[in-house]
Amino acid sequence: MTKTEIIEKIIPFLVEEFEVEVDLIKPEANLHETLQLDSLDYIDLIVIIESSFNINVTYEDFQNIKSFDDFYCFLDSKMNTSQTSITN
């Protein structure tokens, strides 16, 4: 799955789950502030990611994620690592 495909798949979940306008989800926007995430919201986000992309994610994975672009890059990296280990 490409980064573009990841973005196209995750944005509708973010809009629905966190009740945010799609126009606010921009690559440079702050993920935490835009989605108004608290600790329980991070759990919801992790569940969405794990069920949608079949990868394991922890709360600690979000320590260095500031923007939506960071988030997309993280998912892309995690997906590619996961697929590489499956095929090897």
PDB file of N, CA and C in Angstrom:
ATOM      1  N   MET A   1       0.843  -1.172   0.000  1.00  0.00           N
ATOM      2  CA  MET A   1       0.000   0.000   0.000  1.00  0.00           C
ATOM      3  C   MET A   1       0.895   1.244   0.000  1.00  0.00           C
ATOM      4  N   THR A   2       0.569   2.166  -0.872  1.00  0.00           N
ATOM      5  CA  THR A   2       1.361   3.391  -0.977  1.00  0.00           C
ATOM      6  C   THR A   2       0.926   4.389   0.103  1.00  0.00           C
ATOM      7  N   LYS A   3       1.752   5.398   0.298  1.00  0.00           N
ATOM      8  CA  LYS A   3       1.424   6.441   1.272  1.00  0.00           C
ATOM      9  C   LYS A   3       0.108   7.125   0.893  1.00  0.00           C
ATOM     10  N   THR A   4      -0.089   7.368  -0.384  1.00  0.00           N
ATOM     11  CA  THR A   4      -1.329   7.993  -0.853  1.00  0.00           C
ATOM     12  C   THR A   4      -2.538   7.122  -0.524  1.00  0.00           C
ATOM     13  N   GLU A   5      -2.419   5.831  -0.725  1.00  0.00           N
ATOM     14  CA  GLU A   5      -3.514   4.913  -0.405  1.00  0.00           C
ATOM     15  C   GLU A   5      -3.792   4.891   1.099  1.00  0.00           C
ATOM     16  N   ILE A   6      -2.728   4.954   1.888  1.00  0.00           N
ATOM     17  CA  ILE A   6      -2.880   4.998   3.348  1.00  0.00           C
ATOM     18  C   ILE A   6      -3.663   6.248   3.742  1.00  0.00           C
ATOM     19  N   ILE A   7      -3.272   7.388   3.176  1.00  0.00           N
ATOM     20  CA  ILE A   7      -3.936   8.658   3.478  1.00  0.00           C
ATOM     21  C   ILE A   7      -5.406   8.593   3.086  1.00  0.00           C
ATOM     22  N   GLU A   8      -5.691   8.077   1.906  1.00  0.00           N
ATOM     23  CA  GLU A   8      -7.069   7.976   1.427  1.00  0.00           C
ATOM     24  C   GLU A   8      -7.912   7.049   2.305  1.00  0.00           C
ATOM     25  N   LYS A   9      -7.271   6.065   2.902  1.00  0.00           N
ATOM     26  CA  LYS A   9      -7.993   5.119   3.750  1.00  0.00           C
ATOM     27  C   LYS A   9      -8.206   5.657   5.167  1.00  0.00           C
ATOM     28  N   ILE A  10      -7.232   6.360   5.714  1.00  0.00           N
ATOM     29  CA  ILE A  10      -7.316   6.773   7.121  1.00  0.00           C
ATOM     30  C   ILE A  10      -8.121   8.054   7.334  1.00  0.00           C
ATOM     31  N   ILE A  11      -8.103   8.973   6.386  1.00  0.00           N
ATOM     32  CA  ILE A  11      -8.804  10.255   6.590  1.00  0.00           C
ATOM     33  C   ILE A  11     -10.295  10.078   6.888  1.00  0.00           C
ATOM     34  N   PRO A  12     -11.027   9.247   6.148  1.00  0.00           N
ATOM     35  CA  PRO A  12     -12.455   9.088   6.492  1.00  0.00           C
ATOM     36  C   PRO A  12     -12.679   8.582   7.922  1.00  0.00           C
ATOM     37  N   PHE A  13     -11.794   7.707   8.404  1.00  0.00           N
ATOM     38  CA  PHE A  13     -11.901   7.230   9.784  1.00  0.00           C
ATOM     39  C   PHE A  13     -11.680   8.368  10.766  1.00  0.00           C
ATOM     40  N   LEU A  14     -10.684   9.198  10.495  1.00  0.00           N
ATOM     41  CA  LEU A  14     -10.374  10.318  11.380  1.00  0.00           C
ATOM     42  C   LEU A  14     -11.535  11.306  11.430  1.00  0.00           C
ATOM     43  N   VAL A  15     -12.100  11.610  10.269  1.00  0.00           N
ATOM     44  CA  VAL A  15     -13.225  12.550  10.193  1.00  0.00           C
ATOM     45  C   VAL A  15     -14.414  12.013  10.986  1.00  0.00           C
ATOM     46  N   GLU A  16     -14.721  10.750  10.804  1.00  0.00           N
ATOM     47  CA  GLU A  16     -15.876  10.165  11.481  1.00  0.00           C
ATOM     48  C   GLU A  16     -15.633   9.971  12.982  1.00  0.00           C
ATOM     49  N   GLU A  17     -14.530   9.370  13.320  1.00  0.00           N
ATOM     50  CA  GLU A  17     -14.251   9.029  14.718  1.00  0.00           C
ATOM     51  C   GLU A  17     -14.033  10.259  15.600  1.00  0.00           C
ATOM     52  N   PHE A  18     -13.334  11.251  15.066  1.00  0.00           N
ATOM     53  CA  PHE A  18     -12.973  12.415  15.878  1.00  0.00           C
ATOM     54  C   PHE A  18     -13.806  13.656  15.546  1.00  0.00           C
ATOM     55  N   GLU A  19     -14.800  13.466  14.679  1.00  0.00           N
ATOM     56  CA  GLU A  19     -15.747  14.519  14.335  1.00  0.00           C
ATOM     57  C   GLU A  19     -15.042  15.834  13.999  1.00  0.00           C
ATOM     58  N   VAL A  20     -14.126  15.748  13.059  1.00  0.00           N
ATOM     59  CA  VAL A  20     -13.367  16.911  12.618  1.00  0.00           C
ATOM     60  C   VAL A  20     -13.624  17.132  11.130  1.00  0.00           C
ATOM     61  N   GLU A  21     -13.624  18.378  10.724  1.00  0.00           N
ATOM     62  CA  GLU A  21     -13.813  18.707   9.315  1.00  0.00           C
ATOM     63  C   GLU A  21     -12.618  18.225   8.496  1.00  0.00           C
ATOM     64  N   VAL A  22     -12.878  17.642   7.359  1.00  0.00           N
ATOM     65  CA  VAL A  22     -11.818  17.109   6.503  1.00  0.00           C
ATOM     66  C   VAL A  22     -10.838  18.205   6.092  1.00  0.00           C
ATOM     67  N   ASP A  23     -11.313  19.437   5.957  1.00  0.00           N
ATOM     68  CA  ASP A  23     -10.452  20.550   5.559  1.00  0.00           C
ATOM     69  C   ASP A  23      -9.366  20.850   6.591  1.00  0.00           C
ATOM     70  N   LEU A  24      -9.575  20.440   7.838  1.00  0.00           N
ATOM     71  CA  LEU A  24      -8.586  20.689   8.894  1.00  0.00           C
ATOM     72  C   LEU A  24      -7.452  19.668   8.882  1.00  0.00           C
ATOM     73  N   ILE A  25      -7.669  18.563   8.187  1.00  0.00           N
ATOM     74  CA  ILE A  25      -6.659  17.509   8.146  1.00  0.00           C
ATOM     75  C   ILE A  25      -5.709  17.793   6.990  1.00  0.00           C
ATOM     76  N   LYS A  26      -4.684  18.554   7.307  1.00  0.00           N
ATOM     77  CA  LYS A  26      -3.666  18.941   6.334  1.00  0.00           C
ATOM     78  C   LYS A  26      -2.336  18.345   6.775  1.00  0.00           C
ATOM     79  N   PRO A  27      -1.455  18.032   5.839  1.00  0.00           N
ATOM     80  CA  PRO A  27      -0.178  17.394   6.205  1.00  0.00           C
ATOM     81  C   PRO A  27       0.596  18.137   7.289  1.00  0.00           C
ATOM     82  N   GLU A  28       0.577  19.465   7.267  1.00  0.00           N
ATOM     83  CA  GLU A  28       1.368  20.238   8.219  1.00  0.00           C
ATOM     84  C   GLU A  28       0.638  20.499   9.543  1.00  0.00           C
ATOM     85  N   ALA A  29      -0.651  20.181   9.611  1.00  0.00           N
ATOM     86  CA  ALA A  29      -1.440  20.437  10.819  1.00  0.00           C
ATOM     87  C   ALA A  29      -0.998  19.527  11.959  1.00  0.00           C
ATOM     88  N   ASN A  30      -1.123  20.035  13.169  1.00  0.00           N
ATOM     89  CA  ASN A  30      -0.771  19.270  14.362  1.00  0.00           C
ATOM     90  C   ASN A  30      -1.843  18.206  14.614  1.00  0.00           C
ATOM     91  N   LEU A  31      -1.429  16.950  14.637  1.00  0.00           N
ATOM     92  CA  LEU A  31      -2.345  15.821  14.807  1.00  0.00           C
ATOM     93  C   LEU A  31      -3.090  15.921  16.139  1.00  0.00           C
ATOM     94  N   HIS A  32      -2.350  16.115  17.206  1.00  0.00           N
ATOM     95  CA  HIS A  32      -2.918  16.147  18.552  1.00  0.00           C
ATOM     96  C   HIS A  32      -3.939  17.279  18.706  1.00  0.00           C
ATOM     97  N   GLU A  33      -3.570  18.468  18.273  1.00  0.00           N
ATOM     98  CA  GLU A  33      -4.455  19.626  18.416  1.00  0.00           C
ATOM     99  C   GLU A  33      -5.666  19.546  17.502  1.00  0.00           C
ATOM    100  N   THR A  34      -5.462  19.137  16.264  1.00  0.00           N
ATOM    101  CA  THR A  34      -6.563  19.079  15.296  1.00  0.00           C
ATOM    102  C   THR A  34      -7.621  18.065  15.712  1.00  0.00           C
ATOM    103  N   LEU A  35      -7.173  16.907  16.176  1.00  0.00           N
ATOM    104  CA  LEU A  35      -8.120  15.866  16.578  1.00  0.00           C
ATOM    105  C   LEU A  35      -8.528  15.983  18.047  1.00  0.00           C
ATOM    106  N   GLN A  36      -7.909  16.928  18.774  1.00  0.00           N
ATOM    107  CA  GLN A  36      -8.169  17.127  20.203  1.00  0.00           C
ATOM    108  C   GLN A  36      -8.052  15.811  20.965  1.00  0.00           C
ATOM    109  N   LEU A  37      -6.901  15.180  20.814  1.00  0.00           N
ATOM    110  CA  LEU A  37      -6.676  13.856  21.375  1.00  0.00           C
ATOM    111  C   LEU A  37      -6.369  13.895  22.865  1.00  0.00           C
ATOM    112  N   ASP A  38      -7.046  13.025  23.603  1.00  0.00           N
ATOM    113  CA  ASP A  38      -6.662  12.747  24.980  1.00  0.00           C
ATOM    114  C   ASP A  38      -6.196  11.294  25.018  1.00  0.00           C
ATOM    115  N   SER A  39      -5.845  10.783  26.175  1.00  0.00           N
ATOM    116  CA  SER A  39      -5.275   9.436  26.235  1.00  0.00           C
ATOM    117  C   SER A  39      -6.248   8.366  25.739  1.00  0.00           C
ATOM    118  N   LEU A  40      -7.531   8.532  26.001  1.00  0.00           N
ATOM    119  CA  LEU A  40      -8.510   7.554  25.500  1.00  0.00           C
ATOM    120  C   LEU A  40      -8.658   7.634  23.984  1.00  0.00           C
ATOM    121  N   ASP A  41      -8.536   8.838  23.445  1.00  0.00           N
ATOM    122  CA  ASP A  41      -8.607   9.002  21.990  1.00  0.00           C
ATOM    123  C   ASP A  41      -7.443   8.301  21.301  1.00  0.00           C
ATOM    124  N   TYR A  42      -6.271   8.327  21.933  1.00  0.00           N
ATOM    125  CA  TYR A  42      -5.129   7.614  21.360  1.00  0.00           C
ATOM    126  C   TYR A  42      -5.416   6.121  21.280  1.00  0.00           C
ATOM    127  N   ILE A  43      -6.095   5.603  22.282  1.00  0.00           N
ATOM    128  CA  ILE A  43      -6.465   4.181  22.255  1.00  0.00           C
ATOM    129  C   ILE A  43      -7.402   3.917  21.083  1.00  0.00           C
ATOM    130  N   ASP A  44      -8.379   4.781  20.891  1.00  0.00           N
ATOM    131  CA  ASP A  44      -9.286   4.646  19.745  1.00  0.00           C
ATOM    132  C   ASP A  44      -8.516   4.696  18.432  1.00  0.00           C
ATOM    133  N   LEU A  45      -7.576   5.616  18.354  1.00  0.00           N
ATOM    134  CA  LEU A  45      -6.774   5.752  17.136  1.00  0.00           C
ATOM    135  C   LEU A  45      -5.944   4.496  16.891  1.00  0.00           C
ATOM    136  N   ILE A  46      -5.371   3.951  17.937  1.00  0.00           N
ATOM    137  CA  ILE A  46      -4.581   2.716  17.809  1.00  0.00           C
ATOM    138  C   ILE A  46      -5.457   1.572  17.323  1.00  0.00           C
ATOM    139  N   VAL A  47      -6.654   1.453  17.865  1.00  0.00           N
ATOM    140  CA  VAL A  47      -7.586   0.393  17.439  1.00  0.00           C
ATOM    141  C   VAL A  47      -7.939   0.558  15.964  1.00  0.00           C
ATOM    142  N   ILE A  48      -8.207   1.790  15.546  1.00  0.00           N
ATOM    143  CA  ILE A  48      -8.521   2.053  14.141  1.00  0.00           C
ATOM    144  C   ILE A  48      -7.356   1.634  13.249  1.00  0.00           C
ATOM    145  N   ILE A  49      -6.159   2.017  13.631  1.00  0.00           N
ATOM    146  CA  ILE A  49      -4.968   1.690  12.833  1.00  0.00           C
ATOM    147  C   ILE A  49      -4.768   0.182  12.760  1.00  0.00           C
ATOM    148  N   GLU A  50      -4.826  -0.470  13.913  1.00  0.00           N
ATOM    149  CA  GLU A  50      -4.576  -1.912  13.936  1.00  0.00           C
ATOM    150  C   GLU A  50      -5.617  -2.690  13.140  1.00  0.00           C
ATOM    151  N   SER A  51      -6.874  -2.295  13.245  1.00  0.00           N
ATOM    152  CA  SER A  51      -7.913  -3.018  12.513  1.00  0.00           C
ATOM    153  C   SER A  51      -7.916  -2.689  11.018  1.00  0.00           C
ATOM    154  N   SER A  52      -7.546  -1.465  10.679  1.00  0.00           N
ATOM    155  CA  SER A  52      -7.569  -1.055   9.271  1.00  0.00           C
ATOM    156  C   SER A  52      -6.357  -1.518   8.486  1.00  0.00           C
ATOM    157  N   PHE A  53      -5.210  -1.562   9.161  1.00  0.00           N
ATOM    158  CA  PHE A  53      -3.964  -1.840   8.450  1.00  0.00           C
ATOM    159  C   PHE A  53      -3.266  -3.120   8.896  1.00  0.00           C
ATOM    160  N   ASN A  54      -3.849  -3.799   9.879  1.00  0.00           N
ATOM    161  CA  ASN A  54      -3.296  -5.067  10.355  1.00  0.00           C
ATOM    162  C   ASN A  54      -1.834  -4.926  10.794  1.00  0.00           C
ATOM    163  N   ILE A  55      -1.568  -3.884  11.567  1.00  0.00           N
ATOM    164  CA  ILE A  55      -0.238  -3.666  12.140  1.00  0.00           C
ATOM    165  C   ILE A  55      -0.394  -3.408  13.629  1.00  0.00           C
ATOM    166  N   ASN A  56       0.673  -3.661  14.381  1.00  0.00           N
ATOM    167  CA  ASN A  56       0.666  -3.390  15.816  1.00  0.00           C
ATOM    168  C   ASN A  56       1.237  -2.005  16.087  1.00  0.00           C
ATOM    169  N   VAL A  57       0.541  -1.273  16.942  1.00  0.00           N
ATOM    170  CA  VAL A  57       0.932   0.093  17.269  1.00  0.00           C
ATOM    171  C   VAL A  57       0.816   0.260  18.780  1.00  0.00           C
ATOM    172  N   THR A  58       1.720   1.045  19.344  1.00  0.00           N
ATOM    173  CA  THR A  58       1.658   1.346  20.769  1.00  0.00           C
ATOM    174  C   THR A  58       1.515   2.849  20.971  1.00  0.00           C
ATOM    175  N   TYR A  59       1.107   3.223  22.155  1.00  0.00           N
ATOM    176  CA  TYR A  59       0.991   4.642  22.500  1.00  0.00           C
ATOM    177  C   TYR A  59       2.344   5.331  22.341  1.00  0.00           C
ATOM    178  N   GLU A  60       3.412   4.628  22.689  1.00  0.00           N
ATOM    179  CA  GLU A  60       4.759   5.185  22.590  1.00  0.00           C
ATOM    180  C   GLU A  60       5.146   5.517  21.149  1.00  0.00           C
ATOM    181  N   ASP A  61       4.565   4.831  20.200  1.00  0.00           N
ATOM    182  CA  ASP A  61       4.838   5.114  18.786  1.00  0.00           C
ATOM    183  C   ASP A  61       4.470   6.556  18.431  1.00  0.00           C
ATOM    184  N   PHE A  62       3.581   7.152  19.197  1.00  0.00           N
ATOM    185  CA  PHE A  62       3.106   8.503  18.897  1.00  0.00           C
ATOM    186  C   PHE A  62       3.974   9.599  19.513  1.00  0.00           C
ATOM    187  N   GLN A  63       5.000   9.230  20.262  1.00  0.00           N
ATOM    188  CA  GLN A  63       5.833  10.225  20.943  1.00  0.00           C
ATOM    189  C   GLN A  63       6.472  11.228  19.988  1.00  0.00           C
ATOM    190  N   ASN A  64       6.875  10.788  18.814  1.00  0.00           N
ATOM    191  CA  ASN A  64       7.553  11.669  17.862  1.00  0.00           C
ATOM    192  C   ASN A  64       6.655  12.144  16.725  1.00  0.00           C
ATOM    193  N   ILE A  65       5.385  11.802  16.791  1.00  0.00           N
ATOM    194  CA  ILE A  65       4.444  12.212  15.742  1.00  0.00           C
ATOM    195  C   ILE A  65       3.818  13.540  16.142  1.00  0.00           C
ATOM    196  N   LYS A  66       4.087  14.553  15.345  1.00  0.00           N
ATOM    197  CA  LYS A  66       3.523  15.882  15.606  1.00  0.00           C
ATOM    198  C   LYS A  66       2.456  16.244  14.571  1.00  0.00           C
ATOM    199  N   SER A  67       2.775  16.104  13.305  1.00  0.00           N
ATOM    200  CA  SER A  67       1.874  16.513  12.227  1.00  0.00           C
ATOM    201  C   SER A  67       1.188  15.297  11.604  1.00  0.00           C
ATOM    202  N   PHE A  68       0.195  15.584  10.786  1.00  0.00           N
ATOM    203  CA  PHE A  68      -0.448  14.501  10.045  1.00  0.00           C
ATOM    204  C   PHE A  68       0.551  13.843   9.101  1.00  0.00           C
ATOM    205  N   ASP A  69       1.455  14.630   8.520  1.00  0.00           N
ATOM    206  CA  ASP A  69       2.457  14.044   7.640  1.00  0.00           C
ATOM    207  C   ASP A  69       3.356  13.075   8.406  1.00  0.00           C
ATOM    208  N   ASP A  70       3.749  13.434   9.627  1.00  0.00           N
ATOM    209  CA  ASP A  70       4.515  12.509  10.472  1.00  0.00           C
ATOM    210  C   ASP A  70       3.723  11.222  10.670  1.00  0.00           C
ATOM    211  N   PHE A  71       2.440  11.367  10.903  1.00  0.00           N
ATOM    212  CA  PHE A  71       1.548  10.227  11.120  1.00  0.00           C
ATOM    213  C   PHE A  71       1.484   9.346   9.884  1.00  0.00           C
ATOM    214  N   TYR A  72       1.328   9.964   8.718  1.00  0.00           N
ATOM    215  CA  TYR A  72       1.275   9.194   7.470  1.00  0.00           C
ATOM    216  C   TYR A  72       2.606   8.489   7.202  1.00  0.00           C
ATOM    217  N   CYS A  73       3.691   9.172   7.445  1.00  0.00           N
ATOM    218  CA  CYS A  73       5.023   8.566   7.247  1.00  0.00           C
ATOM    219  C   CYS A  73       5.227   7.395   8.200  1.00  0.00           C
ATOM    220  N   PHE A  74       4.766   7.563   9.432  1.00  0.00           N
ATOM    221  CA  PHE A  74       4.851   6.477  10.404  1.00  0.00           C
ATOM    222  C   PHE A  74       4.080   5.255   9.914  1.00  0.00           C
ATOM    223  N   LEU A  75       2.833   5.472   9.460  1.00  0.00           N
ATOM    224  CA  LEU A  75       2.026   4.359   8.965  1.00  0.00           C
ATOM    225  C   LEU A  75       2.676   3.699   7.754  1.00  0.00           C
ATOM    226  N   ASP A  76       3.184   4.515   6.845  1.00  0.00           N
ATOM    227  CA  ASP A  76       3.848   3.999   5.658  1.00  0.00           C
ATOM    228  C   ASP A  76       5.051   3.144   6.051  1.00  0.00           C
ATOM    229  N   SER A  77       5.856   3.630   6.958  1.00  0.00           N
ATOM    230  CA  SER A  77       7.027   2.900   7.422  1.00  0.00           C
ATOM    231  C   SER A  77       6.619   1.597   8.109  1.00  0.00           C
ATOM    232  N   LYS A  78       5.627   1.672   8.974  1.00  0.00           N
ATOM    233  CA  LYS A  78       5.148   0.497   9.710  1.00  0.00           C
ATOM    234  C   LYS A  78       4.580  -0.544   8.750  1.00  0.00           C
ATOM    235  N   MET A  79       3.848  -0.085   7.742  1.00  0.00           N
ATOM    236  CA  MET A  79       3.267  -1.004   6.759  1.00  0.00           C
ATOM    237  C   MET A  79       4.367  -1.690   5.950  1.00  0.00           C
ATOM    238  N   ASN A  80       5.340  -0.935   5.509  1.00  0.00           N
ATOM    239  CA  ASN A  80       6.420  -1.509   4.713  1.00  0.00           C
ATOM    240  C   ASN A  80       7.273  -2.467   5.527  1.00  0.00           C
ATOM    241  N   THR A  81       7.506  -2.148   6.788  1.00  0.00           N
ATOM    242  CA  THR A  81       8.252  -3.043   7.666  1.00  0.00           C
ATOM    243  C   THR A  81       7.473  -4.320   7.899  1.00  0.00           C
ATOM    244  N   SER A  82       6.179  -4.174   8.125  1.00  0.00           N
ATOM    245  CA  SER A  82       5.317  -5.322   8.356  1.00  0.00           C
ATOM    246  C   SER A  82       5.250  -6.228   7.129  1.00  0.00           C
ATOM    247  N   GLN A  83       5.102  -5.627   5.947  1.00  0.00           N
ATOM    248  CA  GLN A  83       5.016  -6.428   4.722  1.00  0.00           C
ATOM    249  C   GLN A  83       6.352  -7.085   4.402  1.00  0.00           C
ATOM    250  N   THR A  84       7.449  -6.419   4.691  1.00  0.00           N
ATOM    251  CA  THR A  84       8.765  -6.993   4.452  1.00  0.00           C
ATOM    252  C   THR A  84       8.980  -8.221   5.327  1.00  0.00           C
ATOM    253  N   SER A  85       8.582  -8.130   6.598  1.00  0.00           N
ATOM    254  CA  SER A  85       8.789  -9.257   7.478  1.00  0.00           C
ATOM    255  C   SER A  85       7.853 -10.414   7.141  1.00  0.00           C
ATOM    256  N   ILE A  86       6.700 -10.135   6.550  1.00  0.00           N
ATOM    257  CA  ILE A  86       5.774 -11.193   6.133  1.00  0.00           C
ATOM    258  C   ILE A  86       6.333 -11.940   4.926  1.00  0.00           C
ATOM    259  N   THR A  87       6.920 -11.205   4.002  1.00  0.00           N
ATOM    260  CA  THR A  87       7.399 -11.841   2.775  1.00  0.00           C
ATOM    261  C   THR A  87       8.736 -12.543   2.952  1.00  0.00           C
ATOM    262  N   ASN A  88       9.445 -12.239   4.024  1.00  0.00           N
ATOM    263  CA  ASN A  88      10.755 -12.891   4.269  1.00  0.00           C
ATOM    264  C   ASN A  88      10.616 -14.137   5.081  1.00  0.00           C
TER     265      ASN A  88
END
